[in-house]
Amino acid sequence: MSYLEPKRHIPHITDLDDKEGQTLGTVLGKVSKSLQEASGANQVFLHVFGGHINHLHFFLVPHRPGDGAAAHIVEGEYEVERRIGGATR
C-alpha cells in the first residue's frame, strides 16, 4: 500500500487549485504504475479520503484476484434492482 497527500492543507478534493488538479492524474498514474510493478499486482485500487478527517489523503492499494483488498466489490456477485422511474440500483 502507498499513501499520498498534498503538500499544503486541503480538506476536500474540490479544494485543489488549478496546478494541483492538473498534476493529480499524472502523479497518481505514476505512483500506481510503480506500485503495480513493485508488487506484481494486476491493478491498484485508489481510496480517497477527505472532509471528515479535514485533510485530503490518497491510499493506493495493490490488488490481485482472490486477495482481501475488497475483491468482492470488483469480482463478486451483485444484485440489480430496478427502481420506480427506470433507475437501477
PDB file of N, CA and C in Angstrom:
ATOM      1  N   MET A   1       0.844  -1.167   0.000  1.00  0.00           N
ATOM      2  CA  MET A   1       0.000   0.000   0.000  1.00  0.00           C
ATOM      3  C   MET A   1       0.892   1.234   0.000  1.00  0.00           C
ATOM      4  N   SER A   2       0.400   2.274  -0.629  1.00  0.00           N
ATOM      5  CA  SER A   2       1.116   3.547  -0.674  1.00  0.00           C
ATOM      6  C   SER A   2       0.160   4.648  -0.237  1.00  0.00           C
ATOM      7  N   TYR A   3       0.713   5.698   0.314  1.00  0.00           N
ATOM      8  CA  TYR A   3      -0.078   6.798   0.855  1.00  0.00           C
ATOM      9  C   TYR A   3       0.449   8.116   0.301  1.00  0.00           C
ATOM     10  N   LEU A   4      -0.462   8.943  -0.209  1.00  0.00           N
ATOM     11  CA  LEU A   4      -0.085  10.263  -0.717  1.00  0.00           C
ATOM     12  C   LEU A   4      -1.003  11.318  -0.106  1.00  0.00           C
ATOM     13  N   GLU A   5      -0.470  12.496   0.098  1.00  0.00           N
ATOM     14  CA  GLU A   5      -1.302  13.630   0.493  1.00  0.00           C
ATOM     15  C   GLU A   5      -0.681  14.895  -0.090  1.00  0.00           C
ATOM     16  N   PRO A   6      -1.494  15.913  -0.332  1.00  0.00           N
ATOM     17  CA  PRO A   6      -0.960  17.168  -0.860  1.00  0.00           C
ATOM     18  C   PRO A   6       0.004  17.828   0.128  1.00  0.00           C
ATOM     19  N   LYS A   7       0.948  18.606  -0.393  1.00  0.00           N
ATOM     20  CA  LYS A   7       1.900  19.303   0.475  1.00  0.00           C
ATOM     21  C   LYS A   7       1.210  20.339   1.355  1.00  0.00           C
ATOM     22  N   ARG A   8       0.239  21.041   0.778  1.00  0.00           N
ATOM     23  CA  ARG A   8      -0.466  22.040   1.584  1.00  0.00           C
ATOM     24  C   ARG A   8      -1.744  21.425   2.148  1.00  0.00           C
ATOM     25  N   HIS A   9      -2.292  22.046   3.165  1.00  0.00           N
ATOM     26  CA  HIS A   9      -3.519  21.554   3.779  1.00  0.00           C
ATOM     27  C   HIS A   9      -4.703  21.759   2.828  1.00  0.00           C
ATOM     28  N   ILE A  10      -5.348  20.665   2.449  1.00  0.00           N
ATOM     29  CA  ILE A  10      -6.515  20.709   1.577  1.00  0.00           C
ATOM     30  C   ILE A  10      -7.561  19.783   2.197  1.00  0.00           C
ATOM     31  N   PRO A  11      -8.710  20.324   2.614  1.00  0.00           N
ATOM     32  CA  PRO A  11      -9.723  19.472   3.236  1.00  0.00           C
ATOM     33  C   PRO A  11     -10.446  18.537   2.269  1.00  0.00           C
ATOM     34  N   HIS A  12     -10.711  18.986   1.051  1.00  0.00           N
ATOM     35  CA  HIS A  12     -11.514  18.212   0.097  1.00  0.00           C
ATOM     36  C   HIS A  12     -10.846  18.217  -1.280  1.00  0.00           C
ATOM     37  N   ILE A  13     -11.146  17.222  -2.081  1.00  0.00           N
ATOM     38  CA  ILE A  13     -10.576  17.153  -3.427  1.00  0.00           C
ATOM     39  C   ILE A  13     -11.017  18.355  -4.265  1.00  0.00           C
ATOM     40  N   THR A  14     -12.171  18.913  -3.956  1.00  0.00           N
ATOM     41  CA  THR A  14     -12.662  20.084  -4.688  1.00  0.00           C
ATOM     42  C   THR A  14     -11.901  21.357  -4.331  1.00  0.00           C
ATOM     43  N   ASP A  15     -11.036  21.290  -3.332  1.00  0.00           N
ATOM     44  CA  ASP A  15     -10.231  22.448  -2.929  1.00  0.00           C
ATOM     45  C   ASP A  15      -8.865  22.499  -3.616  1.00  0.00           C
ATOM     46  N   LEU A  16      -8.573  21.546  -4.491  1.00  0.00           N
ATOM     47  CA  LEU A  16      -7.322  21.586  -5.244  1.00  0.00           C
ATOM     48  C   LEU A  16      -7.318  22.833  -6.129  1.00  0.00           C
ATOM     49  N   ASP A  17      -6.167  23.495  -6.222  1.00  0.00           N
ATOM     50  CA  ASP A  17      -6.088  24.631  -7.146  1.00  0.00           C
ATOM     51  C   ASP A  17      -5.827  24.103  -8.565  1.00  0.00           C
ATOM     52  N   ASP A  18      -5.761  24.998  -9.548  1.00  0.00           N
ATOM     53  CA  ASP A  18      -5.619  24.572 -10.948  1.00  0.00           C
ATOM     54  C   ASP A  18      -4.386  23.709 -11.177  1.00  0.00           C
ATOM     55  N   LYS A  19      -3.241  24.133 -10.674  1.00  0.00           N
ATOM     56  CA  LYS A  19      -1.986  23.389 -10.876  1.00  0.00           C
ATOM     57  C   LYS A  19      -2.065  22.015 -10.209  1.00  0.00           C
ATOM     58  N   GLU A  20      -2.585  21.962  -8.983  1.00  0.00           N
ATOM     59  CA  GLU A  20      -2.716  20.683  -8.273  1.00  0.00           C
ATOM     60  C   GLU A  20      -3.665  19.752  -9.025  1.00  0.00           C
ATOM     61  N   GLY A  21      -4.761  20.290  -9.501  1.00  0.00           N
ATOM     62  CA  GLY A  21      -5.715  19.487 -10.256  1.00  0.00           C
ATOM     63  C   GLY A  21      -5.127  18.954 -11.549  1.00  0.00           C
ATOM     64  N   GLN A  22      -4.314  19.772 -12.223  1.00  0.00           N
ATOM     65  CA  GLN A  22      -3.703  19.359 -13.486  1.00  0.00           C
ATOM     66  C   GLN A  22      -2.669  18.257 -13.294  1.00  0.00           C
ATOM     67  N   THR A  23      -1.984  18.244 -12.174  1.00  0.00           N
ATOM     68  CA  THR A  23      -0.918  17.257 -11.961  1.00  0.00           C
ATOM     69  C   THR A  23      -1.387  16.014 -11.210  1.00  0.00           C
ATOM     70  N   LEU A  24      -2.570  16.060 -10.609  1.00  0.00           N
ATOM     71  CA  LEU A  24      -3.033  14.947  -9.784  1.00  0.00           C
ATOM     72  C   LEU A  24      -3.067  13.630 -10.559  1.00  0.00           C
ATOM     73  N   GLY A  25      -3.676  13.617 -11.730  1.00  0.00           N
ATOM     74  CA  GLY A  25      -3.775  12.385 -12.515  1.00  0.00           C
ATOM     75  C   GLY A  25      -2.420  11.812 -12.882  1.00  0.00           C
ATOM     76  N   THR A  26      -1.505  12.686 -13.271  1.00  0.00           N
ATOM     77  CA  THR A  26      -0.157  12.241 -13.639  1.00  0.00           C
ATOM     78  C   THR A  26       0.548  11.600 -12.446  1.00  0.00           C
ATOM     79  N   VAL A  27       0.478  12.254 -11.300  1.00  0.00           N
ATOM     80  CA  VAL A  27       1.135  11.732 -10.091  1.00  0.00           C
ATOM     81  C   VAL A  27       0.513  10.405  -9.674  1.00  0.00           C
ATOM     82  N   LEU A  28      -0.803  10.327  -9.620  1.00  0.00           N
ATOM     83  CA  LEU A  28      -1.462   9.075  -9.237  1.00  0.00           C
ATOM     84  C   LEU A  28      -1.160   7.958 -10.227  1.00  0.00           C
ATOM     85  N   GLY A  29      -1.104   8.294 -11.514  1.00  0.00           N
ATOM     86  CA  GLY A  29      -0.775   7.295 -12.525  1.00  0.00           C
ATOM     87  C   GLY A  29       0.632   6.743 -12.363  1.00  0.00           C
ATOM     88  N   LYS A  30       1.597   7.627 -12.140  1.00  0.00           N
ATOM     89  CA  LYS A  30       2.995   7.190 -11.981  1.00  0.00           C
ATOM     90  C   LYS A  30       3.176   6.348 -10.723  1.00  0.00           C
ATOM     91  N   VAL A  31       2.591   6.792  -9.615  1.00  0.00           N
ATOM     92  CA  VAL A  31       2.717   6.042  -8.367  1.00  0.00           C
ATOM     93  C   VAL A  31       2.016   4.691  -8.493  1.00  0.00           C
ATOM     94  N   SER A  32       0.840   4.671  -9.109  1.00  0.00           N
ATOM     95  CA  SER A  32       0.109   3.411  -9.295  1.00  0.00           C
ATOM     96  C   SER A  32       0.909   2.423 -10.139  1.00  0.00           C
ATOM     97  N   LYS A  33       1.501   2.916 -11.216  1.00  0.00           N
ATOM     98  CA  LYS A  33       2.297   2.036 -12.087  1.00  0.00           C
ATOM     99  C   LYS A  33       3.505   1.479 -11.336  1.00  0.00           C
ATOM    100  N   SER A  34       4.195   2.324 -10.601  1.00  0.00           N
ATOM    101  CA  SER A  34       5.362   1.868  -9.818  1.00  0.00           C
ATOM    102  C   SER A  34       4.952   0.846  -8.771  1.00  0.00           C
ATOM    103  N   LEU A  35       3.849   1.107  -8.086  1.00  0.00           N
ATOM    104  CA  LEU A  35       3.368   0.186  -7.058  1.00  0.00           C
ATOM    105  C   LEU A  35       2.937  -1.141  -7.676  1.00  0.00           C
ATOM    106  N   GLN A  36       2.288  -1.073  -8.822  1.00  0.00           N
ATOM    107  CA  GLN A  36       1.863  -2.282  -9.524  1.00  0.00           C
ATOM    108  C   GLN A  36       3.067  -3.120  -9.940  1.00  0.00           C
ATOM    109  N   GLU A  37       4.085  -2.476 -10.496  1.00  0.00           N
ATOM    110  CA  GLU A  37       5.290  -3.194 -10.930  1.00  0.00           C
ATOM    111  C   GLU A  37       6.051  -3.780  -9.744  1.00  0.00           C
ATOM    112  N   ALA A  38       6.165  -3.024  -8.658  1.00  0.00           N
ATOM    113  CA  ALA A  38       6.917  -3.486  -7.489  1.00  0.00           C
ATOM    114  C   ALA A  38       6.211  -4.632  -6.769  1.00  0.00           C
ATOM    115  N   SER A  39       4.877  -4.621  -6.783  1.00  0.00           N
ATOM    116  CA  SER A  39       4.123  -5.622  -6.029  1.00  0.00           C
ATOM    117  C   SER A  39       3.690  -6.818  -6.885  1.00  0.00           C
ATOM    118  N   GLY A  40       3.727  -6.670  -8.209  1.00  0.00           N
ATOM    119  CA  GLY A  40       3.249  -7.730  -9.087  1.00  0.00           C
ATOM    120  C   GLY A  40       1.728  -7.806  -9.162  1.00  0.00           C
ATOM    121  N   ALA A  41       1.049  -6.777  -8.672  1.00  0.00           N
ATOM    122  CA  ALA A  41      -0.414  -6.747  -8.700  1.00  0.00           C
ATOM    123  C   ALA A  41      -0.915  -6.513 -10.120  1.00  0.00           C
ATOM    124  N   ASN A  42      -2.137  -6.972 -10.392  1.00  0.00           N
ATOM    125  CA  ASN A  42      -2.688  -6.741 -11.724  1.00  0.00           C
ATOM    126  C   ASN A  42      -3.436  -5.419 -11.812  1.00  0.00           C
ATOM    127  N   GLN A  43      -3.747  -4.795 -10.666  1.00  0.00           N
ATOM    128  CA  GLN A  43      -4.355  -3.469 -10.652  1.00  0.00           C
ATOM    129  C   GLN A  43      -4.123  -2.812  -9.293  1.00  0.00           C
ATOM    130  N   VAL A  44      -4.381  -1.526  -9.222  1.00  0.00           N
ATOM    131  CA  VAL A  44      -4.210  -0.775  -7.985  1.00  0.00           C
ATOM    132  C   VAL A  44      -5.516  -0.048  -7.696  1.00  0.00           C
ATOM    133  N   PHE A  45      -6.048  -0.260  -6.495  1.00  0.00           N
ATOM    134  CA  PHE A  45      -7.258   0.444  -6.067  1.00  0.00           C
ATOM    135  C   PHE A  45      -6.857   1.782  -5.471  1.00  0.00           C
ATOM    136  N   LEU A  46      -7.655   2.810  -5.715  1.00  0.00           N
ATOM    137  CA  LEU A  46      -7.420   4.143  -5.157  1.00  0.00           C
ATOM    138  C   LEU A  46      -8.554   4.479  -4.197  1.00  0.00           C
ATOM    139  N   HIS A  47      -8.195   4.766  -2.961  1.00  0.00           N
ATOM    140  CA  HIS A  47      -9.158   5.195  -1.948  1.00  0.00           C
ATOM    141  C   HIS A  47      -8.855   6.657  -1.627  1.00  0.00           C
ATOM    142  N   VAL A  48      -9.870   7.501  -1.707  1.00  0.00           N
ATOM    143  CA  VAL A  48      -9.703   8.936  -1.463  1.00  0.00           C
ATOM    144  C   VAL A  48     -10.489   9.297  -0.212  1.00  0.00           C
ATOM    145  N   PHE A  49      -9.801   9.946   0.740  1.00  0.00           N
ATOM    146  CA  PHE A  49     -10.444  10.391   1.968  1.00  0.00           C
ATOM    147  C   PHE A  49     -10.214  11.881   2.126  1.00  0.00           C
ATOM    148  N   GLY A  50     -11.210  12.570   2.552  1.00  0.00           N
ATOM    149  CA  GLY A  50     -11.125  13.999   2.815  1.00  0.00           C
ATOM    150  C   GLY A  50     -12.386  14.436   3.512  1.00  0.00           C
ATOM    151  N   GLY A  51     -12.439  15.687   3.903  1.00  0.00           N
ATOM    152  CA  GLY A  51     -13.646  16.218   4.526  1.00  0.00           C
ATOM    153  C   GLY A  51     -13.765  15.855   5.986  1.00  0.00           C
ATOM    154  N   HIS A  52     -14.248  14.657   6.285  1.00  0.00           N
ATOM    155  CA  HIS A  52     -14.493  14.282   7.675  1.00  0.00           C
ATOM    156  C   HIS A  52     -13.201  14.206   8.496  1.00  0.00           C
ATOM    157  N   ILE A  53     -12.079  13.969   7.849  1.00  0.00           N
ATOM    158  CA  ILE A  53     -10.798  13.984   8.552  1.00  0.00           C
ATOM    159  C   ILE A  53     -10.078  15.318   8.338  1.00  0.00           C
ATOM    160  N   ASN A  54     -10.728  16.203   7.585  1.00  0.00           N
ATOM    161  CA  ASN A  54     -10.269  17.576   7.361  1.00  0.00           C
ATOM    162  C   ASN A  54      -8.915  17.685   6.674  1.00  0.00           C
ATOM    163  N   HIS A  55      -8.528  16.664   5.930  1.00  0.00           N
ATOM    164  CA  HIS A  55      -7.323  16.737   5.101  1.00  0.00           C
ATOM    165  C   HIS A  55      -7.421  15.660   4.031  1.00  0.00           C
ATOM    166  N   LEU A  56      -7.033  15.995   2.820  1.00  0.00           N
ATOM    167  CA  LEU A  56      -7.139  15.095   1.684  1.00  0.00           C
ATOM    168  C   LEU A  56      -6.026  14.038   1.728  1.00  0.00           C
ATOM    169  N   HIS A  57      -6.419  12.767   1.603  1.00  0.00           N
ATOM    170  CA  HIS A  57      -5.482  11.640   1.605  1.00  0.00           C
ATOM    171  C   HIS A  57      -5.818  10.700   0.451  1.00  0.00           C
ATOM    172  N   PHE A  58      -4.795  10.104  -0.139  1.00  0.00           N
ATOM    173  CA  PHE A  58      -4.958   9.097  -1.180  1.00  0.00           C
ATOM    174  C   PHE A  58      -4.230   7.829  -0.736  1.00  0.00           C
ATOM    175  N   PHE A  59      -4.937   6.709  -0.721  1.00  0.00           N
ATOM    176  CA  PHE A  59      -4.327   5.422  -0.418  1.00  0.00           C
ATOM    177  C   PHE A  59      -4.386   4.585  -1.689  1.00  0.00           C
ATOM    178  N   LEU A  60      -3.249   4.058  -2.115  1.00  0.00           N
ATOM    179  CA  LEU A  60      -3.168   3.217  -3.299  1.00  0.00           C
ATOM    180  C   LEU A  60      -2.878   1.793  -2.836  1.00  0.00           C
ATOM    181  N   VAL A  61      -3.769   0.866  -3.181  1.00  0.00           N
ATOM    182  CA  VAL A  61      -3.704  -0.495  -2.667  1.00  0.00           C
ATOM    183  C   VAL A  61      -3.557  -1.481  -3.825  1.00  0.00           C
ATOM    184  N   PRO A  62      -2.427  -2.208  -3.892  1.00  0.00           N
ATOM    185  CA  PRO A  62      -2.261  -3.211  -4.944  1.00  0.00           C
ATOM    186  C   PRO A  62      -3.299  -4.325  -4.772  1.00  0.00           C
ATOM    187  N   HIS A  63      -3.793  -4.835  -5.876  1.00  0.00           N
ATOM    188  CA  HIS A  63      -4.824  -5.877  -5.828  1.00  0.00           C
ATOM    189  C   HIS A  63      -4.501  -7.002  -6.801  1.00  0.00           C
ATOM    190  N   ARG A  64      -4.661  -8.230  -6.297  1.00  0.00           N
ATOM    191  CA  ARG A  64      -4.553  -9.431  -7.118  1.00  0.00           C
ATOM    192  C   ARG A  64      -5.848 -10.220  -6.947  1.00  0.00           C
ATOM    193  N   PRO A  65      -6.301 -10.941  -7.953  1.00  0.00           N
ATOM    194  CA  PRO A  65      -7.520 -11.742  -7.804  1.00  0.00           C
ATOM    195  C   PRO A  65      -7.432 -12.656  -6.581  1.00  0.00           C
ATOM    196  N   GLY A  66      -8.493 -12.648  -5.791  1.00  0.00           N
ATOM    197  CA  GLY A  66      -8.564 -13.524  -4.624  1.00  0.00           C
ATOM    198  C   GLY A  66      -7.981 -12.951  -3.351  1.00  0.00           C
ATOM    199  N   ASP A  67      -7.366 -11.757  -3.405  1.00  0.00           N
ATOM    200  CA  ASP A  67      -6.825 -11.209  -2.162  1.00  0.00           C
ATOM    201  C   ASP A  67      -7.926 -10.493  -1.379  1.00  0.00           C
ATOM    202  N   GLY A  68      -7.580  -9.954  -0.247  1.00  0.00           N
ATOM    203  CA  GLY A  68      -8.574  -9.336   0.621  1.00  0.00           C
ATOM    204  C   GLY A  68      -8.821  -7.874   0.351  1.00  0.00           C
ATOM    205  N   ALA A  69      -8.275  -7.299  -0.694  1.00  0.00           N
ATOM    206  CA  ALA A  69      -8.396  -5.855  -0.955  1.00  0.00           C
ATOM    207  C   ALA A  69      -9.725  -5.537  -1.629  1.00  0.00           C
ATOM    208  N   ALA A  70     -10.797  -5.812  -0.915  1.00  0.00           N
ATOM    209  CA  ALA A  70     -12.147  -5.514  -1.398  1.00  0.00           C
ATOM    210  C   ALA A  70     -12.451  -6.215  -2.728  1.00  0.00           C
ATOM    211  N   ALA A  71     -11.932  -7.422  -2.891  1.00  0.00           N
ATOM    212  CA  ALA A  71     -12.133  -8.143  -4.139  1.00  0.00           C
ATOM    213  C   ALA A  71     -13.611  -8.390  -4.422  1.00  0.00           C
ATOM    214  N   HIS A  72     -14.411  -8.540  -3.383  1.00  0.00           N
ATOM    215  CA  HIS A  72     -15.836  -8.812  -3.599  1.00  0.00           C
ATOM    216  C   HIS A  72     -16.516  -7.666  -4.335  1.00  0.00           C
ATOM    217  N   ILE A  73     -16.009  -6.443  -4.195  1.00  0.00           N
ATOM    218  CA  ILE A  73     -16.603  -5.301  -4.877  1.00  0.00           C
ATOM    219  C   ILE A  73     -16.357  -5.396  -6.379  1.00  0.00           C
ATOM    220  N   VAL A  74     -15.177  -5.843  -6.773  1.00  0.00           N
ATOM    221  CA  VAL A  74     -14.803  -5.890  -8.180  1.00  0.00           C
ATOM    222  C   VAL A  74     -15.168  -7.219  -8.821  1.00  0.00           C
ATOM    223  N   GLU A  75     -14.956  -8.309  -8.101  1.00  0.00           N
ATOM    224  CA  GLU A  75     -15.101  -9.635  -8.689  1.00  0.00           C
ATOM    225  C   GLU A  75     -16.311 -10.402  -8.199  1.00  0.00           C
ATOM    226  N   GLY A  76     -16.953  -9.948  -7.140  1.00  0.00           N
ATOM    227  CA  GLY A  76     -18.028 -10.707  -6.510  1.00  0.00           C
ATOM    228  C   GLY A  76     -19.357 -10.590  -7.225  1.00  0.00           C
ATOM    229  N   GLU A  77     -20.328 -11.304  -6.681  1.00  0.00           N
ATOM    230  CA  GLU A  77     -21.675 -11.258  -7.228  1.00  0.00           C
ATOM    231  C   GLU A  77     -22.364  -9.986  -6.763  1.00  0.00           C
ATOM    232  N   TYR A  78     -23.319  -9.552  -7.540  1.00  0.00           N
ATOM    233  CA  TYR A  78     -24.098  -8.386  -7.161  1.00  0.00           C
ATOM    234  C   TYR A  78     -25.521  -8.568  -7.650  1.00  0.00           C
ATOM    235  N   GLU A  79     -26.417  -7.809  -7.095  1.00  0.00           N
ATOM    236  CA  GLU A  79     -27.825  -7.901  -7.447  1.00  0.00           C
ATOM    237  C   GLU A  79     -28.272  -6.568  -8.032  1.00  0.00           C
ATOM    238  N   VAL A  80     -28.996  -6.624  -9.137  1.00  0.00           N
ATOM    239  CA  VAL A  80     -29.511  -5.422  -9.780  1.00  0.00           C
ATOM    240  C   VAL A  80     -30.968  -5.256  -9.369  1.00  0.00           C
ATOM    241  N   GLU A  81     -31.294  -4.052  -8.909  1.00  0.00           N
ATOM    242  CA  GLU A  81     -32.666  -3.748  -8.507  1.00  0.00           C
ATOM    243  C   GLU A  81     -33.198  -2.628  -9.389  1.00  0.00           C
ATOM    244  N   ARG A  82     -34.307  -2.875 -10.053  1.00  0.00           N
ATOM    245  CA  ARG A  82     -34.946  -1.854 -10.884  1.00  0.00           C
ATOM    246  C   ARG A  82     -35.804  -0.972  -9.988  1.00  0.00           C
ATOM    247  N   ARG A  83     -35.587   0.325 -10.069  1.00  0.00           N
ATOM    248  CA  ARG A  83     -36.314   1.275  -9.232  1.00  0.00           C
ATOM    249  C   ARG A  83     -37.462   1.911 -10.023  1.00  0.00           C
ATOM    250  N   ILE A  84     -38.415   2.472  -9.303  1.00  0.00           N
ATOM    251  CA  ILE A  84     -39.516   3.182  -9.932  1.00  0.00           C
ATOM    252  C   ILE A  84     -38.940   4.327 -10.757  1.00  0.00           C
ATOM    253  N   GLY A  85     -39.397   4.499 -11.953  1.00  0.00           N
ATOM    254  CA  GLY A  85     -38.902   5.552 -12.831  1.00  0.00           C
ATOM    255  C   GLY A  85     -37.780   5.084 -13.725  1.00  0.00           C
ATOM    256  N   GLY A  86     -37.373   3.806 -13.635  1.00  0.00           N
ATOM    257  CA  GLY A  86     -36.376   3.258 -14.538  1.00  0.00           C
ATOM    258  C   GLY A  86     -34.947   3.245 -14.029  1.00  0.00           C
ATOM    259  N   ALA A  87     -34.708   3.808 -12.840  1.00  0.00           N
ATOM    260  CA  ALA A  87     -33.351   3.805 -12.296  1.00  0.00           C
ATOM    261  C   ALA A  87     -32.960   2.381 -11.883  1.00  0.00           C
ATOM    262  N   THR A  88     -31.680   2.133 -11.835  1.00  0.00           N
ATOM    263  CA  THR A  88     -31.155   0.840 -11.404  1.00  0.00           C
ATOM    264  C   THR A  88     -30.242   1.045 -10.210  1.00  0.00           C
ATOM    265  N   ARG A  89     -30.385   0.158  -9.231  1.00  0.00           N
ATOM    266  CA  ARG A  89     -29.509   0.219  -8.054  1.00  0.00           C
ATOM    267  C   ARG A  89     -28.755  -1.081  -7.954  1.00  0.00           C
TER     268      ARG A  89
END
